[in-house]
C-alpha atoms as a PDB file:
ATOM      1  CA  UNK A   1      89.452  89.492 136.259  1.00  0.00           C
ATOM      2  CA  UNK A   2      87.122  91.950 138.000  1.00  0.00           C
ATOM      3  CA  UNK A   3      84.240  93.515 136.123  1.00  0.00           C
ATOM      4  CA  UNK A   4      84.940  97.048 135.001  1.00  0.00           C
ATOM      5  CA  UNK A   5      88.659  96.519 134.555  1.00  0.00           C
ATOM      6  CA  UNK A   6      89.844  96.998 131.001  1.00  0.00           C
ATOM      7  CA  UNK A   7      91.145  93.920 129.228  1.00  0.00           C
ATOM      8  CA  UNK A   8      94.771  94.189 128.116  1.00  0.00           C
ATOM      9  CA  UNK A   9      95.023  95.011 124.429  1.00  0.00           C
ATOM     10  CA  UNK A  10      96.202  92.242 122.142  1.00  0.00           C
ATOM     11  CA  UNK A  11      99.611  93.218 120.799  1.00  0.00           C
ATOM     12  CA  UNK A  12      99.614  93.789 117.041  1.00  0.00           C
ATOM     13  CA  UNK A  13     101.081  91.094 114.814  1.00  0.00           C
ATOM     14  CA  UNK A  14     103.842  92.700 112.772  1.00  0.00           C
ATOM     15  CA  UNK A  15     104.307  91.831 109.095  1.00  0.00           C
ATOM     16  CA  UNK A  16     107.769  90.427 108.366  1.00  0.00           C
ATOM     17  CA  UNK A  17     107.560  89.623 104.646  1.00  0.00           C
ATOM     18  CA  UNK A  18     105.505  90.743 101.624  1.00  0.00           C
ATOM     19  CA  UNK A  19     105.167  88.797  98.387  1.00  0.00           C
ATOM     20  CA  UNK A  20     103.435  90.057  95.247  1.00  0.00           C
ATOM     21  CA  UNK A  21     104.028  87.479  92.540  1.00  0.00           C
ATOM     22  CA  UNK A  22     102.545  89.557  89.681  1.00  0.00           C
ATOM     23  CA  UNK A  23     105.237  92.249  90.070  1.00  0.00           C
ATOM     24  CA  UNK A  24     108.045  90.031  91.411  1.00  0.00           C
ATOM     25  CA  UNK A  25     108.130  91.358  94.989  1.00  0.00           C
ATOM     26  CA  UNK A  26     109.516  89.332  97.891  1.00  0.00           C
ATOM     27  CA  UNK A  27     110.653  91.785 100.546  1.00  0.00           C
ATOM     28  CA  UNK A  28     111.487  91.795 104.210  1.00  0.00           C
ATOM     29  CA  UNK A  29     109.438  94.152 106.400  1.00  0.00           C
ATOM     30  CA  UNK A  30     110.649  95.951 109.523  1.00  0.00           C
ATOM     31  CA  UNK A  31     108.700  98.136 111.987  1.00  0.00           C
ATOM     32  CA  UNK A  32     108.938 101.875 111.430  1.00  0.00           C
ATOM     33  CA  UNK A  33     107.459 105.039 112.891  1.00  0.00           C
ATOM     34  CA  UNK A  34     107.563 108.750 112.215  1.00  0.00           C
ATOM     35  CA  UNK A  35     110.621 110.714 111.095  1.00  0.00           C
ATOM     36  CA  UNK A  36     111.192 113.313 113.821  1.00  0.00           C
ATOM     37  CA  UNK A  37     112.563 115.862 111.365  1.00  0.00           C
ATOM     38  CA  UNK A  38     109.792 115.764 108.784  1.00  0.00           C
ATOM     39  CA  UNK A  39     106.807 114.356 110.667  1.00  0.00           C
ATOM     40  CA  UNK A  40     106.342 111.906 107.772  1.00  0.00           C
ATOM     41  CA  UNK A  41     106.361 108.122 108.012  1.00  0.00           C
ATOM     42  CA  UNK A  42     109.901 106.809 108.300  1.00  0.00           C
ATOM     43  CA  UNK A  43     110.938 104.622 105.350  1.00  0.00           C
ATOM     44  CA  UNK A  44     113.797 102.110 105.769  1.00  0.00           C
ATOM     45  CA  UNK A  45     117.009 103.368 104.097  1.00  0.00           C
ATOM     46  CA  UNK A  46     117.596 100.043 102.298  1.00  0.00           C
ATOM     47  CA  UNK A  47     115.405 100.183  99.160  1.00  0.00           C
ATOM     48  CA  UNK A  48     114.990  96.387  99.259  1.00  0.00           C
ATOM     49  CA  UNK A  49     113.357  96.528 102.720  1.00  0.00           C
ATOM     50  CA  UNK A  50     109.809  97.660 103.446  1.00  0.00           C
ATOM     51  CA  UNK A  51     108.551  99.421 106.568  1.00  0.00           C
ATOM     52  CA  UNK A  52     105.400  98.638 108.554  1.00  0.00           C
ATOM     53  CA  UNK A  53     103.872 101.656 110.305  1.00  0.00           C
ATOM     54  CA  UNK A  54     103.842 100.164 113.795  1.00  0.00           C
ATOM     55  CA  UNK A  55     101.485 102.802 115.236  1.00  0.00           C
ATOM     56  CA  UNK A  56      98.694 101.652 112.919  1.00  0.00           C
ATOM     57  CA  UNK A  57      96.924  98.334 112.517  1.00  0.00           C
ATOM     58  CA  UNK A  58      98.700  95.010 112.847  1.00  0.00           C
ATOM     59  CA  UNK A  59      97.898  91.907 110.849  1.00  0.00           C
ATOM     60  CA  UNK A  60      95.546  90.696 113.595  1.00  0.00           C
ATOM     61  CA  UNK A  61      93.464  93.889 113.635  1.00  0.00           C
ATOM     62  CA  UNK A  62      89.758  93.739 112.874  1.00  0.00           C
ATOM     63  CA  UNK A  63      89.562  97.247 111.393  1.00  0.00           C
ATOM     64  CA  UNK A  64      91.740  99.979 109.943  1.00  0.00           C
ATOM     65  CA  UNK A  65      94.705 100.220 107.625  1.00  0.00           C
ATOM     66  CA  UNK A  66      97.830  98.050 107.813  1.00  0.00           C
ATOM     67  CA  UNK A  67     100.355 100.449 106.248  1.00  0.00           C
ATOM     68  CA  UNK A  68     103.515  99.221 104.540  1.00  0.00           C
ATOM     69  CA  UNK A  69     105.867 101.673 102.819  1.00  0.00           C
ATOM     70  CA  UNK A  70     108.970 101.379 100.690  1.00  0.00           C
ATOM     71  CA  UNK A  71     111.201 103.246  98.293  1.00  0.00           C
ATOM     72  CA  UNK A  72     110.581 103.064  94.573  1.00  0.00           C
ATOM     73  CA  UNK A  73     114.343 103.349  94.003  1.00  0.00           C
ATOM     74  CA  UNK A  74     117.529 104.907  95.320  1.00  0.00           C
ATOM     75  CA  UNK A  75     120.250 106.874  93.579  1.00  0.00           C
ATOM     76  CA  UNK A  76     123.014 104.500  94.669  1.00  0.00           C
ATOM     77  CA  UNK A  77     120.912 101.368  95.292  1.00  0.00           C
ATOM     78  CA  UNK A  78     118.838 101.149  92.106  1.00  0.00           C
ATOM     79  CA  UNK A  79     115.313  99.748  91.973  1.00  0.00           C
ATOM     80  CA  UNK A  80     113.474  99.394  95.262  1.00  0.00           C
ATOM     81  CA  UNK A  81     111.202  96.567  96.363  1.00  0.00           C
ATOM     82  CA  UNK A  82     108.141  98.571  95.289  1.00  0.00           C
ATOM     83  CA  UNK A  83     109.573  99.762  91.961  1.00  0.00           C
ATOM     84  CA  UNK A  84     106.780  98.086  89.996  1.00  0.00           C
ATOM     85  CA  UNK A  85     103.953  98.896  92.416  1.00  0.00           C
ATOM     86  CA  UNK A  86     102.642 101.334  89.811  1.00  0.00           C
ATOM     87  CA  UNK A  87     101.961  98.296  87.586  1.00  0.00           C
ATOM     88  CA  UNK A  88     100.190  95.991  90.043  1.00  0.00           C
ATOM     89  CA  UNK A  89      96.806  95.067  88.570  1.00  0.00           C
ATOM     90  CA  UNK A  90      93.480  95.021  90.355  1.00  0.00           C
ATOM     91  CA  UNK A  91      92.817  91.491  91.554  1.00  0.00           C
ATOM     92  CA  UNK A  92      96.495  90.696  92.201  1.00  0.00           C
ATOM     93  CA  UNK A  93      97.178  88.749  95.375  1.00  0.00           C
ATOM     94  CA  UNK A  94      99.512  90.002  98.090  1.00  0.00           C
ATOM     95  CA  UNK A  95     100.734  87.482 100.666  1.00  0.00           C
ATOM     96  CA  UNK A  96     101.939  88.934 103.946  1.00  0.00           C
ATOM     97  CA  UNK A  97     103.728  86.761 106.504  1.00  0.00           C
ATOM     98  CA  UNK A  98     103.356  87.835 110.098  1.00  0.00           C
ATOM     99  CA  UNK A  99     105.750  87.567 113.020  1.00  0.00           C
ATOM    100  CA  UNK A 100     103.448  84.761 114.186  1.00  0.00           C
ATOM    101  CA  UNK A 101     104.523  82.713 111.136  1.00  0.00           C
ATOM    102  CA  UNK A 102     101.081  82.848 109.526  1.00  0.00           C
ATOM    103  CA  UNK A 103     100.453  83.954 105.931  1.00  0.00           C
ATOM    104  CA  UNK A 104      97.571  86.298 105.186  1.00  0.00           C
ATOM    105  CA  UNK A 105      96.383  86.893 101.626  1.00  0.00           C
ATOM    106  CA  UNK A 106      94.969  90.178 100.341  1.00  0.00           C
ATOM    107  CA  UNK A 107      93.539  91.142  96.951  1.00  0.00           C
ATOM    108  CA  UNK A 108      94.289  94.470  95.272  1.00  0.00           C
ATOM    109  CA  UNK A 109      91.124  96.560  94.890  1.00  0.00           C
ATOM    110  CA  UNK A 110      92.648  99.958  94.022  1.00  0.00           C
ATOM    111  CA  UNK A 111      95.831 101.540  92.698  1.00  0.00           C
ATOM    112  CA  UNK A 112      95.942 105.338  92.860  1.00  0.00           C
ATOM    113  CA  UNK A 113      98.434 108.141  92.352  1.00  0.00           C
ATOM    114  CA  UNK A 114      98.322 111.268  94.496  1.00  0.00           C
ATOM    115  CA  UNK A 115     100.425 114.399  94.605  1.00  0.00           C
ATOM    116  CA  UNK A 116     102.332 113.876  97.870  1.00  0.00           C
ATOM    117  CA  UNK A 117     100.809 116.936  99.488  1.00  0.00           C
ATOM    118  CA  UNK A 118      97.325 115.602  98.625  1.00  0.00           C
ATOM    119  CA  UNK A 119      97.740 112.061  99.967  1.00  0.00           C
ATOM    120  CA  UNK A 120      94.485 111.276 101.826  1.00  0.00           C
ATOM    121  CA  UNK A 121      96.169 110.504 105.158  1.00  0.00           C
ATOM    122  CA  UNK A 122      92.918 109.797 106.989  1.00  0.00           C
ATOM    123  CA  UNK A 123      92.049 107.104 104.472  1.00  0.00           C
ATOM    124  CA  UNK A 124      95.567 105.703 104.069  1.00  0.00           C
ATOM    125  CA  UNK A 125      96.425 105.589 107.771  1.00  0.00           C
ATOM    126  CA  UNK A 126      92.914 105.499 109.276  1.00  0.00           C
ATOM    127  CA  UNK A 127      92.107 103.027 112.015  1.00  0.00           C
ATOM    128  CA  UNK A 128      88.392 103.017 111.268  1.00  0.00           C
ATOM    129  CA  UNK A 129      86.441 101.098 108.670  1.00  0.00           C
ATOM    130  CA  UNK A 130      87.074  97.717 107.130  1.00  0.00           C
ATOM    131  CA  UNK A 131      90.456  96.059 107.545  1.00  0.00           C
ATOM    132  CA  UNK A 132      92.719  96.770 104.587  1.00  0.00           C
ATOM    133  CA  UNK A 133      96.348  96.634 103.529  1.00  0.00           C
ATOM    134  CA  UNK A 134      97.792  99.893 102.201  1.00  0.00           C
ATOM    135  CA  UNK A 135     101.103  99.906 100.309  1.00  0.00           C
ATOM    136  CA  UNK A 136     102.723 103.270  99.601  1.00  0.00           C
ATOM    137  CA  UNK A 137     105.732 104.251  97.506  1.00  0.00           C
ATOM    138  CA  UNK A 138     106.859 107.247  95.486  1.00  0.00           C
ATOM    139  CA  UNK A 139     105.933 107.780  91.861  1.00  0.00           C
ATOM    140  CA  UNK A 140     105.250 110.244  89.109  1.00  0.00           C
ATOM    141  CA  UNK A 141     107.870 112.714  87.913  1.00  0.00           C
ATOM    142  CA  UNK A 142     111.156 113.159  89.752  1.00  0.00           C
ATOM    143  CA  UNK A 143     111.862 116.715  90.939  1.00  0.00           C
ATOM    144  CA  UNK A 144     115.635 117.183  90.632  1.00  0.00           C
ATOM    145  CA  UNK A 145     115.535 120.368  92.704  1.00  0.00           C
ATOM    146  CA  UNK A 146     114.019 118.647  95.757  1.00  0.00           C
ATOM    147  CA  UNK A 147     115.573 115.270  94.882  1.00  0.00           C
ATOM    148  CA  UNK A 148     112.203 113.632  95.420  1.00  0.00           C
ATOM    149  CA  UNK A 149     109.323 112.185  93.457  1.00  0.00           C
ATOM    150  CA  UNK A 150     106.293 114.437  93.190  1.00  0.00           C
ATOM    151  CA  UNK A 151     103.633 111.769  93.773  1.00  0.00           C
ATOM    152  CA  UNK A 152     102.788 108.723  95.860  1.00  0.00           C
ATOM    153  CA  UNK A 153     101.500 105.443  94.481  1.00  0.00           C
ATOM    154  CA  UNK A 154      98.967 103.938  96.892  1.00  0.00           C
ATOM    155  CA  UNK A 155      97.674 100.381  96.548  1.00  0.00           C
ATOM    156  CA  UNK A 156      94.765  99.181  98.655  1.00  0.00           C
ATOM    157  CA  UNK A 157      94.053  95.485  99.172  1.00  0.00           C
ATOM    158  CA  UNK A 158      91.445  93.632 101.207  1.00  0.00           C
ATOM    159  CA  UNK A 159      91.763  90.311 103.063  1.00  0.00           C
ATOM    160  CA  UNK A 160      90.661  87.278 101.071  1.00  0.00           C
ATOM    161  CA  UNK A 161      92.119  84.416 103.125  1.00  0.00           C
ATOM    162  CA  UNK A 162      92.358  83.860 106.837  1.00  0.00           C
ATOM    163  CA  UNK A 163      95.802  83.227 108.369  1.00  0.00           C
ATOM    164  CA  UNK A 164      97.344  79.911 107.356  1.00  0.00           C
END
């Protein structure tokens, strides 16, 4: 390759499965993007399936936030994969399997609740800073008028084991 030519970017490794033993999560993950109508991250309609924000960091990134989202529950479907995310303790391990077949292990360092309108998007979706895994679901009180939860539960985890 000639000097001065940019190297092709390494394609991101997509997560395909998330396991959190302490809260009994074993969920499939599919790529997702942005909902054209709301401008918000698109969440898979099946509450048992999680969504990876494919425009952010992949599992092979060296910096930024790997964002995975899911429903807490659904009116007709019941509890979602992240129903108990609000109970995950600091120190819990999260194992994420990538499309490359490798498992990566992360450790929970923070669990926070934000009013949806106050979610720190730059921090949650940021592509700067140390590599981290960010899981997001709904939480707090349910607003019957808007048919939506008022808050978001955000869990941040950091890598503790290299791919295996």
